[in-house]
Structure formats: structure tokens, C-alpha cells
Amino acid sequence: MPDLLLDGSYATPTCLQLALIACFKVFGLIIVFVAIWIAGVCFNGLTAPGGFRWNLEAMKADPTVRPILVVSGIAALATIATISLTGPLSHLRIRMIATDSAFIETGCYIGARYVETLDRKNTTISFVLHGGKMLRFRQEGQRWLYVPIESNPNFGNLVMIAPTAMREYWDYLTSKK
């Protein structure tokens, strides 16, 4: 009977749905930044001494418009780059289970489903601080797998699978007090 170690928040039926959701999020953020920019320009125009003006040359010459354009442009580009590059290019984990002979992780990578399998006998499990409190599953020649410990609803399964690593986690917690 496999033990569930991680049931990710990406539990959708297909990886294509994940890519579609990411595209909608990017499109939504673009709309938000355009709306913020338009609101900033309109507010600037309404508070100008001569009233609201749609003259693009006058807006470019106004010293208060340029910072709004620069900040909103940088924020929009940074958001789009972050979501566009890290989302589709990162491993989006759907699920990780432990069987009698292997640790199996399934997820999405660039819109395609993947399955990563580590042999249970050749895998070492240790407690690490890797962007949070994690268990690292390491096998020579394979990609390392990480499972978050805190707020993991499968905490009991983690204790059964990796008692030594969880003891290291307990020692870490008691040393912090």
C-alpha cells in the first residue's frame, strides 16, 4: 500500500490545464498593471493645474508622469518574466508517494507530465533548510526530491518513512527554543 507523502496544490487532471491557468494569470496581471497605469495617468491629469489633458506630448513633458511609466513598466516586465519563465520551466509537483520499493513523484514540466522514481534502498533522506524546512530525498545520478515538513497533512507518513531525518527536524526545533 503506497504512503502519500505530498499531495500538491497542482492536482489538476492534465498539465495542459496548468499551462492554461498560468497563461490566464499572466494575462490578468497584464490587465491589472495596465489599469494601474491608466489610473495613475488619469489621476495625474485630473490634478494638473490646467485640468485633464489627453495631449501625449504634454504628458511626456510632465515630470510626474515619467516615474509612473517607469515603475509600472518595470513592475509589469518583472511580473511577466517571473511568471512566464519560472512557472512553465519549473517542476510543478502533483503528488509524491512511497511504495515498498520506490519513492515516486509525478508532476508537470513545461506542459508535459513526468514521473520521477527513486529506488528506496539507494535513497538517503535528510532534513535540510531549503527554502523552508524540508526532507531531501537523494539518490546518486537522480534529481533530488524535496518534501516540505511544516503544514504537511501527511506528517505521520513522513515520520514512518524517515524517522532519522524527522529526529533531526525535532532536534532542530528543540535547539531553537
N, C-alpha and C. Protein backbone atom coordinates (compact mmCIF):
# COMPACT_ATOMS: atom_id res chain seq x y z
N MET A 1 0.85 -1.18 0.00
CA MET A 1 0.00 0.00 0.00
C MET A 1 0.89 1.24 0.00
N PRO A 2 0.77 2.13 -1.00
CA PRO A 2 1.62 3.31 -1.05
C PRO A 2 1.21 4.34 0.02
N ASP A 3 2.23 4.99 0.57
CA ASP A 3 2.01 6.05 1.54
C ASP A 3 2.12 7.39 0.85
N LEU A 4 1.13 8.24 1.02
CA LEU A 4 1.14 9.56 0.42
C LEU A 4 2.07 10.48 1.22
N LEU A 5 3.05 11.07 0.55
CA LEU A 5 3.97 11.99 1.21
C LEU A 5 3.62 13.44 0.91
N LEU A 6 3.13 13.68 -0.29
CA LEU A 6 2.82 15.05 -0.69
C LEU A 6 1.71 15.02 -1.72
N ASP A 7 0.69 15.79 -1.48
CA ASP A 7 -0.39 15.94 -2.44
C ASP A 7 -0.43 17.41 -2.78
N GLY A 8 0.22 17.77 -3.88
CA GLY A 8 0.41 19.17 -4.23
C GLY A 8 -0.86 19.90 -4.58
N SER A 9 -0.75 21.21 -4.65
CA SER A 9 -1.90 22.04 -4.97
C SER A 9 -2.15 22.07 -6.47
N TYR A 10 -1.34 21.37 -7.24
CA TYR A 10 -1.49 21.34 -8.69
C TYR A 10 -2.20 20.07 -9.13
N ALA A 11 -3.13 19.59 -8.34
CA ALA A 11 -3.78 18.31 -8.62
C ALA A 11 -4.88 18.47 -9.67
N THR A 12 -4.50 18.94 -10.84
CA THR A 12 -5.45 19.03 -11.95
C THR A 12 -5.25 17.81 -12.84
N PRO A 13 -6.25 17.46 -13.63
CA PRO A 13 -6.12 16.25 -14.44
C PRO A 13 -4.99 16.27 -15.46
N THR A 14 -4.72 17.42 -16.08
CA THR A 14 -3.69 17.44 -17.11
C THR A 14 -2.73 18.60 -16.91
N CYS A 15 -1.55 18.45 -17.46
CA CYS A 15 -0.55 19.52 -17.40
C CYS A 15 -0.93 20.67 -18.32
N LEU A 16 -1.70 20.38 -19.35
CA LEU A 16 -2.15 21.43 -20.25
C LEU A 16 -3.04 22.42 -19.51
N GLN A 17 -3.84 21.93 -18.59
CA GLN A 17 -4.67 22.83 -17.78
C GLN A 17 -3.80 23.75 -16.93
N LEU A 18 -2.69 23.23 -16.40
CA LEU A 18 -1.78 24.07 -15.62
C LEU A 18 -1.21 25.19 -16.48
N ALA A 19 -0.80 24.87 -17.70
CA ALA A 19 -0.25 25.88 -18.59
C ALA A 19 -1.32 26.92 -18.94
N LEU A 20 -2.54 26.47 -19.15
CA LEU A 20 -3.63 27.39 -19.47
C LEU A 20 -3.93 28.31 -18.29
N ILE A 21 -3.94 27.77 -17.09
CA ILE A 21 -4.16 28.59 -15.90
C ILE A 21 -3.04 29.62 -15.75
N ALA A 22 -1.79 29.23 -15.99
CA ALA A 22 -0.67 30.16 -15.91
C ALA A 22 -0.82 31.29 -16.93
N CYS A 23 -1.27 30.96 -18.15
CA CYS A 23 -1.47 32.00 -19.17
C CYS A 23 -2.56 32.98 -18.75
N PHE A 24 -3.64 32.48 -18.17
CA PHE A 24 -4.70 33.37 -17.69
C PHE A 24 -4.21 34.27 -16.57
N LYS A 25 -3.36 33.74 -15.70
CA LYS A 25 -2.81 34.56 -14.62
C LYS A 25 -1.93 35.67 -15.17
N VAL A 26 -1.08 35.33 -16.13
CA VAL A 26 -0.22 36.36 -16.74
C VAL A 26 -1.07 37.41 -17.42
N PHE A 27 -2.08 36.98 -18.18
CA PHE A 27 -2.96 37.93 -18.86
C PHE A 27 -3.68 38.82 -17.85
N GLY A 28 -4.14 38.24 -16.74
CA GLY A 28 -4.80 39.01 -15.69
C GLY A 28 -3.87 40.04 -15.07
N LEU A 29 -2.62 39.65 -14.84
CA LEU A 29 -1.66 40.61 -14.26
C LEU A 29 -1.35 41.74 -15.23
N ILE A 30 -1.29 41.43 -16.51
CA ILE A 30 -1.07 42.49 -17.51
C ILE A 30 -2.23 43.49 -17.45
N ILE A 31 -3.45 42.99 -17.37
CA ILE A 31 -4.61 43.86 -17.28
C ILE A 31 -4.56 44.72 -16.02
N VAL A 32 -4.15 44.13 -14.90
CA VAL A 32 -4.05 44.89 -13.65
C VAL A 32 -3.03 46.00 -13.78
N PHE A 33 -1.87 45.72 -14.33
CA PHE A 33 -0.84 46.75 -14.45
C PHE A 33 -1.24 47.85 -15.44
N VAL A 34 -1.93 47.48 -16.51
CA VAL A 34 -2.42 48.50 -17.44
C VAL A 34 -3.45 49.38 -16.75
N ALA A 35 -4.33 48.78 -15.94
CA ALA A 35 -5.34 49.56 -15.21
C ALA A 35 -4.68 50.49 -14.20
N ILE A 36 -3.64 50.02 -13.52
CA ILE A 36 -2.92 50.87 -12.57
C ILE A 36 -2.26 52.03 -13.31
N TRP A 37 -1.68 51.75 -14.45
CA TRP A 37 -1.03 52.81 -15.22
C TRP A 37 -2.05 53.84 -15.69
N ILE A 38 -3.19 53.37 -16.20
CA ILE A 38 -4.23 54.29 -16.67
C ILE A 38 -4.76 55.12 -15.50
N ALA A 39 -4.96 54.49 -14.34
CA ALA A 39 -5.43 55.23 -13.17
C ALA A 39 -4.41 56.28 -12.75
N GLY A 40 -3.13 55.94 -12.79
CA GLY A 40 -2.08 56.91 -12.43
C GLY A 40 -2.05 58.08 -13.39
N VAL A 41 -2.16 57.81 -14.67
CA VAL A 41 -2.15 58.88 -15.66
C VAL A 41 -3.39 59.75 -15.51
N CYS A 42 -4.55 59.13 -15.30
CA CYS A 42 -5.78 59.91 -15.14
C CYS A 42 -5.73 60.76 -13.87
N PHE A 43 -5.24 60.20 -12.77
CA PHE A 43 -5.13 60.96 -11.53
C PHE A 43 -4.18 62.14 -11.73
N ASN A 44 -3.09 61.90 -12.42
CA ASN A 44 -2.12 62.97 -12.70
C ASN A 44 -2.77 64.06 -13.55
N GLY A 45 -3.57 63.67 -14.53
CA GLY A 45 -4.23 64.66 -15.39
C GLY A 45 -5.30 65.45 -14.66
N LEU A 46 -6.02 64.78 -13.76
CA LEU A 46 -7.08 65.48 -13.03
C LEU A 46 -6.52 66.47 -12.02
N THR A 47 -5.35 66.20 -11.50
CA THR A 47 -4.77 67.11 -10.51
C THR A 47 -3.86 68.14 -11.14
N ALA A 48 -3.70 68.11 -12.45
CA ALA A 48 -2.85 69.09 -13.12
C ALA A 48 -3.50 70.47 -13.06
N PRO A 49 -2.69 71.56 -13.07
CA PRO A 49 -3.25 72.91 -12.97
C PRO A 49 -4.24 73.23 -14.09
N GLY A 50 -4.02 72.76 -15.29
CA GLY A 50 -4.90 73.09 -16.40
C GLY A 50 -6.04 72.10 -16.57
N GLY A 51 -6.25 71.19 -15.64
CA GLY A 51 -7.28 70.18 -15.77
C GLY A 51 -6.78 68.98 -16.55
N PHE A 52 -7.68 68.06 -16.86
CA PHE A 52 -7.30 66.83 -17.54
C PHE A 52 -6.91 67.11 -18.99
N ARG A 53 -5.85 66.47 -19.42
CA ARG A 53 -5.39 66.66 -20.80
C ARG A 53 -5.00 65.31 -21.39
N TRP A 54 -5.35 65.09 -22.64
CA TRP A 54 -5.01 63.86 -23.32
C TRP A 54 -3.85 64.08 -24.28
N ASN A 55 -3.22 65.21 -24.22
CA ASN A 55 -2.11 65.51 -25.11
C ASN A 55 -0.92 64.66 -24.69
N LEU A 56 -0.52 63.71 -25.52
CA LEU A 56 0.56 62.79 -25.18
C LEU A 56 1.88 63.53 -25.00
N GLU A 57 2.14 64.53 -25.82
CA GLU A 57 3.40 65.29 -25.69
C GLU A 57 3.44 66.03 -24.35
N ALA A 58 2.29 66.57 -23.94
CA ALA A 58 2.24 67.27 -22.65
C ALA A 58 2.44 66.29 -21.50
N MET A 59 1.88 65.06 -21.63
CA MET A 59 2.06 64.07 -20.57
C MET A 59 3.52 63.63 -20.50
N LYS A 60 4.17 63.48 -21.64
CA LYS A 60 5.59 63.09 -21.65
C LYS A 60 6.44 64.17 -21.01
N ALA A 61 6.08 65.43 -21.24
CA ALA A 61 6.86 66.54 -20.70
C ALA A 61 6.62 66.73 -19.20
N ASP A 62 5.49 66.25 -18.70
CA ASP A 62 5.16 66.41 -17.28
C ASP A 62 6.10 65.54 -16.44
N PRO A 63 6.82 66.10 -15.47
CA PRO A 63 7.79 65.32 -14.70
C PRO A 63 7.16 64.28 -13.78
N THR A 64 5.87 64.38 -13.50
CA THR A 64 5.25 63.39 -12.61
C THR A 64 4.78 62.15 -13.36
N VAL A 65 4.68 62.22 -14.69
CA VAL A 65 4.20 61.07 -15.46
C VAL A 65 5.31 60.04 -15.67
N ARG A 66 6.52 60.53 -15.91
CA ARG A 66 7.63 59.62 -16.21
C ARG A 66 7.87 58.58 -15.10
N PRO A 67 7.91 58.95 -13.80
CA PRO A 67 8.09 57.91 -12.78
C PRO A 67 6.97 56.86 -12.78
N ILE A 68 5.74 57.31 -13.04
CA ILE A 68 4.63 56.35 -13.09
C ILE A 68 4.85 55.36 -14.22
N LEU A 69 5.27 55.86 -15.38
CA LEU A 69 5.52 54.98 -16.52
C LEU A 69 6.66 54.01 -16.24
N VAL A 70 7.74 54.52 -15.67
CA VAL A 70 8.92 53.67 -15.41
C VAL A 70 8.59 52.59 -14.39
N VAL A 71 7.98 52.96 -13.28
CA VAL A 71 7.69 51.99 -12.22
C VAL A 71 6.69 50.95 -12.71
N SER A 72 5.62 51.38 -13.36
CA SER A 72 4.63 50.41 -13.82
C SER A 72 5.21 49.52 -14.93
N GLY A 73 6.05 50.07 -15.78
CA GLY A 73 6.68 49.27 -16.83
C GLY A 73 7.63 48.23 -16.26
N ILE A 74 8.45 48.62 -15.30
CA ILE A 74 9.38 47.66 -14.67
C ILE A 74 8.60 46.59 -13.92
N ALA A 75 7.58 47.01 -13.18
CA ALA A 75 6.78 46.03 -12.43
C ALA A 75 6.08 45.05 -13.38
N ALA A 76 5.55 45.56 -14.47
CA ALA A 76 4.88 44.67 -15.43
C ALA A 76 5.86 43.70 -16.07
N LEU A 77 7.01 44.19 -16.48
CA LEU A 77 8.01 43.30 -17.09
C LEU A 77 8.54 42.26 -16.11
N ALA A 78 8.78 42.69 -14.86
CA ALA A 78 9.28 41.74 -13.85
C ALA A 78 8.24 40.66 -13.56
N THR A 79 6.99 41.05 -13.45
CA THR A 79 5.93 40.07 -13.18
C THR A 79 5.77 39.11 -14.34
N ILE A 80 5.73 39.64 -15.52
CA ILE A 80 5.57 38.78 -16.70
C ILE A 80 6.76 37.84 -16.84
N ALA A 81 7.97 38.35 -16.65
CA ALA A 81 9.15 37.50 -16.77
C ALA A 81 9.16 36.42 -15.69
N THR A 82 8.82 36.79 -14.47
CA THR A 82 8.83 35.82 -13.38
C THR A 82 7.83 34.71 -13.61
N ILE A 83 6.61 35.07 -13.93
CA ILE A 83 5.59 34.05 -14.14
C ILE A 83 5.84 33.26 -15.41
N SER A 84 6.22 33.96 -16.47
CA SER A 84 6.42 33.29 -17.74
C SER A 84 7.59 32.32 -17.72
N LEU A 85 8.65 32.66 -17.01
CA LEU A 85 9.83 31.81 -17.04
C LEU A 85 9.85 30.78 -15.93
N THR A 86 9.53 31.16 -14.70
CA THR A 86 9.64 30.19 -13.62
C THR A 86 8.48 29.22 -13.57
N GLY A 87 7.28 29.65 -13.95
CA GLY A 87 6.14 28.75 -13.92
C GLY A 87 6.28 27.58 -14.86
N PRO A 88 6.34 27.84 -16.17
CA PRO A 88 6.41 26.71 -17.11
C PRO A 88 7.74 25.96 -17.07
N LEU A 89 8.82 26.59 -16.65
CA LEU A 89 10.11 25.92 -16.68
C LEU A 89 10.44 25.18 -15.39
N SER A 90 9.62 25.34 -14.36
CA SER A 90 9.92 24.67 -13.10
C SER A 90 9.11 23.38 -13.00
N HIS A 91 9.52 22.55 -12.06
CA HIS A 91 8.81 21.30 -11.83
C HIS A 91 7.59 21.60 -10.96
N LEU A 92 6.41 21.39 -11.49
CA LEU A 92 5.19 21.58 -10.75
C LEU A 92 4.73 20.21 -10.24
N ARG A 93 4.92 20.00 -8.96
CA ARG A 93 4.68 18.69 -8.39
C ARG A 93 3.19 18.47 -8.16
N ILE A 94 2.71 17.32 -8.58
CA ILE A 94 1.32 16.97 -8.33
C ILE A 94 1.24 16.06 -7.11
N ARG A 95 2.07 15.05 -7.07
CA ARG A 95 1.94 14.07 -5.99
C ARG A 95 3.25 13.32 -5.79
N MET A 96 3.52 12.93 -4.54
CA MET A 96 4.67 12.09 -4.23
C MET A 96 4.20 11.00 -3.28
N ILE A 97 4.52 9.75 -3.63
CA ILE A 97 4.13 8.62 -2.80
C ILE A 97 5.35 7.75 -2.53
N ALA A 98 5.26 6.96 -1.48
CA ALA A 98 6.30 5.99 -1.14
C ALA A 98 5.69 4.60 -1.23
N THR A 99 6.30 3.73 -2.02
CA THR A 99 5.88 2.33 -2.09
C THR A 99 6.91 1.51 -1.33
N ASP A 100 6.74 0.21 -1.35
CA ASP A 100 7.70 -0.66 -0.66
C ASP A 100 9.08 -0.61 -1.29
N SER A 101 9.17 -0.28 -2.58
CA SER A 101 10.46 -0.33 -3.26
C SER A 101 10.92 1.01 -3.83
N ALA A 102 10.06 2.05 -3.84
CA ALA A 102 10.45 3.30 -4.51
C ALA A 102 9.72 4.50 -3.93
N PHE A 103 10.29 5.66 -4.22
CA PHE A 103 9.63 6.94 -4.00
C PHE A 103 9.28 7.47 -5.38
N ILE A 104 8.02 7.79 -5.59
CA ILE A 104 7.55 8.18 -6.92
C ILE A 104 6.93 9.57 -6.83
N GLU A 105 7.46 10.48 -7.66
CA GLU A 105 6.92 11.82 -7.74
C GLU A 105 6.36 12.03 -9.15
N THR A 106 5.15 12.54 -9.25
CA THR A 106 4.57 12.87 -10.55
C THR A 106 4.30 14.37 -10.57
N GLY A 107 4.42 14.95 -11.73
CA GLY A 107 4.20 16.38 -11.86
C GLY A 107 4.22 16.81 -13.30
N CYS A 108 4.38 18.12 -13.50
CA CYS A 108 4.41 18.69 -14.84
C CYS A 108 5.72 19.44 -15.04
N TYR A 109 6.24 19.36 -16.24
CA TYR A 109 7.45 20.09 -16.61
C TYR A 109 7.27 20.59 -18.04
N ILE A 110 7.20 21.89 -18.20
CA ILE A 110 6.98 22.53 -19.49
C ILE A 110 5.75 21.92 -20.20
N GLY A 111 4.67 21.81 -19.47
CA GLY A 111 3.41 21.36 -20.06
C GLY A 111 3.28 19.87 -20.29
N ALA A 112 4.26 19.07 -19.90
CA ALA A 112 4.19 17.62 -20.08
C ALA A 112 4.30 16.93 -18.72
N ARG A 113 3.58 15.84 -18.57
CA ARG A 113 3.62 15.09 -17.31
C ARG A 113 4.94 14.32 -17.21
N TYR A 114 5.48 14.27 -16.00
CA TYR A 114 6.70 13.48 -15.77
C TYR A 114 6.50 12.59 -14.55
N VAL A 115 7.29 11.55 -14.47
CA VAL A 115 7.32 10.65 -13.32
C VAL A 115 8.78 10.47 -12.95
N GLU A 116 9.11 10.79 -11.71
CA GLU A 116 10.47 10.64 -11.19
C GLU A 116 10.43 9.52 -10.16
N THR A 117 11.28 8.51 -10.34
CA THR A 117 11.28 7.36 -9.43
C THR A 117 12.66 7.20 -8.82
N LEU A 118 12.70 7.10 -7.49
CA LEU A 118 13.94 6.84 -6.77
C LEU A 118 13.83 5.48 -6.10
N ASP A 119 14.88 4.67 -6.22
CA ASP A 119 14.91 3.37 -5.57
C ASP A 119 15.00 3.59 -4.06
N ARG A 120 14.12 2.97 -3.32
CA ARG A 120 14.05 3.21 -1.88
C ARG A 120 15.32 2.75 -1.16
N LYS A 121 15.95 1.67 -1.62
CA LYS A 121 17.15 1.15 -0.95
C LYS A 121 18.36 2.06 -1.16
N ASN A 122 18.41 2.75 -2.30
CA ASN A 122 19.57 3.59 -2.62
C ASN A 122 19.34 5.07 -2.33
N THR A 123 18.23 5.40 -1.70
CA THR A 123 17.90 6.80 -1.42
C THR A 123 18.22 7.14 0.02
N THR A 124 18.90 8.27 0.21
CA THR A 124 19.13 8.78 1.56
C THR A 124 18.19 9.96 1.78
N ILE A 125 17.62 10.00 2.98
CA ILE A 125 16.68 11.05 3.33
C ILE A 125 17.28 11.85 4.47
N SER A 126 17.31 13.17 4.30
CA SER A 126 17.87 14.03 5.35
C SER A 126 17.02 15.28 5.51
N PHE A 127 17.13 15.88 6.68
CA PHE A 127 16.45 17.14 6.96
C PHE A 127 17.34 18.28 6.50
N VAL A 128 16.78 19.21 5.72
CA VAL A 128 17.52 20.37 5.24
C VAL A 128 16.65 21.61 5.33
N LEU A 129 17.32 22.75 5.38
CA LEU A 129 16.63 24.03 5.28
C LEU A 129 16.82 24.51 3.86
N HIS A 130 15.88 24.22 3.01
CA HIS A 130 15.97 24.52 1.57
C HIS A 130 14.72 25.29 1.18
N GLY A 131 14.73 26.60 1.44
CA GLY A 131 13.53 27.39 1.20
C GLY A 131 12.43 27.08 2.20
N GLY A 132 12.79 26.54 3.31
CA GLY A 132 11.85 26.10 4.35
C GLY A 132 12.38 24.81 4.95
N LYS A 133 11.64 24.26 5.85
CA LYS A 133 12.03 23.00 6.48
C LYS A 133 11.58 21.86 5.58
N MET A 134 12.55 21.11 5.05
CA MET A 134 12.26 20.09 4.04
C MET A 134 12.96 18.78 4.36
N LEU A 135 12.41 17.71 3.78
CA LEU A 135 13.12 16.45 3.71
C LEU A 135 13.66 16.34 2.30
N ARG A 136 14.95 16.01 2.21
CA ARG A 136 15.58 15.85 0.89
C ARG A 136 15.78 14.37 0.62
N PHE A 137 15.26 13.91 -0.50
CA PHE A 137 15.40 12.53 -0.94
C PHE A 137 16.47 12.54 -2.02
N ARG A 138 17.61 11.88 -1.74
CA ARG A 138 18.76 11.95 -2.64
C ARG A 138 19.20 10.55 -3.05
N GLN A 139 19.35 10.39 -4.36
CA GLN A 139 19.89 9.15 -4.93
C GLN A 139 20.92 9.55 -5.97
N GLU A 140 22.03 8.87 -5.97
CA GLU A 140 23.11 9.19 -6.90
C GLU A 140 22.63 9.11 -8.34
N GLY A 141 22.91 10.16 -9.11
CA GLY A 141 22.56 10.19 -10.52
C GLY A 141 21.13 10.60 -10.82
N GLN A 142 20.35 10.92 -9.80
CA GLN A 142 18.95 11.32 -9.99
C GLN A 142 18.75 12.75 -9.46
N ARG A 143 17.68 13.37 -9.91
CA ARG A 143 17.32 14.69 -9.40
C ARG A 143 16.86 14.54 -7.95
N TRP A 144 17.29 15.45 -7.08
CA TRP A 144 16.89 15.38 -5.68
C TRP A 144 15.44 15.81 -5.55
N LEU A 145 14.72 15.17 -4.66
CA LEU A 145 13.32 15.49 -4.41
C LEU A 145 13.21 16.10 -3.02
N TYR A 146 12.39 17.11 -2.90
CA TYR A 146 12.18 17.79 -1.62
C TYR A 146 10.72 17.71 -1.22
N VAL A 147 10.48 17.47 0.06
CA VAL A 147 9.12 17.44 0.60
C VAL A 147 9.08 18.39 1.80
N PRO A 148 8.18 19.37 1.78
CA PRO A 148 8.07 20.26 2.93
C PRO A 148 7.54 19.52 4.15
N ILE A 149 8.05 19.90 5.32
CA ILE A 149 7.64 19.24 6.55
C ILE A 149 6.51 20.02 7.22
N GLU A 150 6.71 21.32 7.36
CA GLU A 150 5.72 22.14 8.06
C GLU A 150 4.40 22.17 7.30
N SER A 151 3.34 22.12 8.01
CA SER A 151 1.97 22.16 7.48
C SER A 151 1.74 21.09 6.40
N ASN A 152 2.42 19.98 6.51
CA ASN A 152 2.19 18.86 5.60
C ASN A 152 1.15 17.95 6.26
N PRO A 153 -0.01 17.75 5.63
CA PRO A 153 -1.03 16.91 6.26
C PRO A 153 -0.63 15.44 6.37
N ASN A 154 0.44 15.05 5.70
CA ASN A 154 0.92 13.67 5.74
C ASN A 154 2.13 13.53 6.67
N PHE A 155 2.14 14.30 7.74
CA PHE A 155 3.26 14.32 8.67
C PHE A 155 3.54 12.92 9.25
N GLY A 156 2.49 12.18 9.58
CA GLY A 156 2.67 10.83 10.14
C GLY A 156 3.37 9.90 9.17
N ASN A 157 3.05 10.02 7.89
CA ASN A 157 3.73 9.18 6.89
C ASN A 157 5.20 9.56 6.79
N LEU A 158 5.51 10.85 6.90
CA LEU A 158 6.91 11.28 6.85
C LEU A 158 7.69 10.70 8.02
N VAL A 159 7.08 10.66 9.20
CA VAL A 159 7.75 10.10 10.38
C VAL A 159 8.02 8.61 10.18
N MET A 160 7.06 7.90 9.60
CA MET A 160 7.26 6.46 9.37
C MET A 160 8.31 6.20 8.30
N ILE A 161 8.34 7.02 7.25
CA ILE A 161 9.26 6.81 6.13
C ILE A 161 10.69 7.20 6.51
N ALA A 162 10.84 8.31 7.22
CA ALA A 162 12.18 8.85 7.51
C ALA A 162 12.32 9.20 8.99
N PRO A 163 12.41 8.20 9.85
CA PRO A 163 12.49 8.50 11.29
C PRO A 163 13.77 9.26 11.68
N THR A 164 14.89 8.94 11.05
CA THR A 164 16.14 9.62 11.39
C THR A 164 16.10 11.09 10.97
N ALA A 165 15.64 11.36 9.78
CA ALA A 165 15.54 12.74 9.31
C ALA A 165 14.54 13.53 10.14
N MET A 166 13.45 12.90 10.54
CA MET A 166 12.46 13.59 11.35
C MET A 166 13.00 13.83 12.77
N ARG A 167 13.88 12.96 13.24
CA ARG A 167 14.54 13.20 14.53
C ARG A 167 15.47 14.41 14.41
N GLU A 168 16.16 14.54 13.27
CA GLU A 168 16.98 15.74 13.03
C GLU A 168 16.12 17.00 13.04
N TYR A 169 14.94 16.90 12.46
CA TYR A 169 14.00 18.03 12.46
C TYR A 169 13.57 18.37 13.89
N TRP A 170 13.28 17.35 14.69
CA TRP A 170 12.90 17.57 16.08
C TRP A 170 14.05 18.21 16.86
N ASP A 171 15.27 17.72 16.62
CA ASP A 171 16.44 18.32 17.28
C ASP A 171 16.60 19.78 16.88
N TYR A 172 16.35 20.08 15.63
CA TYR A 172 16.44 21.47 15.15
C TYR A 172 15.40 22.33 15.87
N LEU A 173 14.18 21.82 15.99
CA LEU A 173 13.12 22.59 16.67
C LEU A 173 13.43 22.81 18.13
N THR A 174 13.95 21.79 18.82
CA THR A 174 14.23 21.94 20.25
C THR A 174 15.46 22.82 20.50
N SER A 175 16.38 22.87 19.54
CA SER A 175 17.56 23.73 19.72
C SER A 175 17.22 25.20 19.50
N LYS A 176 16.11 25.47 18.80
CA LYS A 176 15.70 26.85 18.54
C LYS A 176 15.03 27.48 19.77
N LYS A 177 14.60 26.65 20.73
CA LYS A 177 13.87 27.19 21.90
C LYS A 177 14.78 27.64 22.97
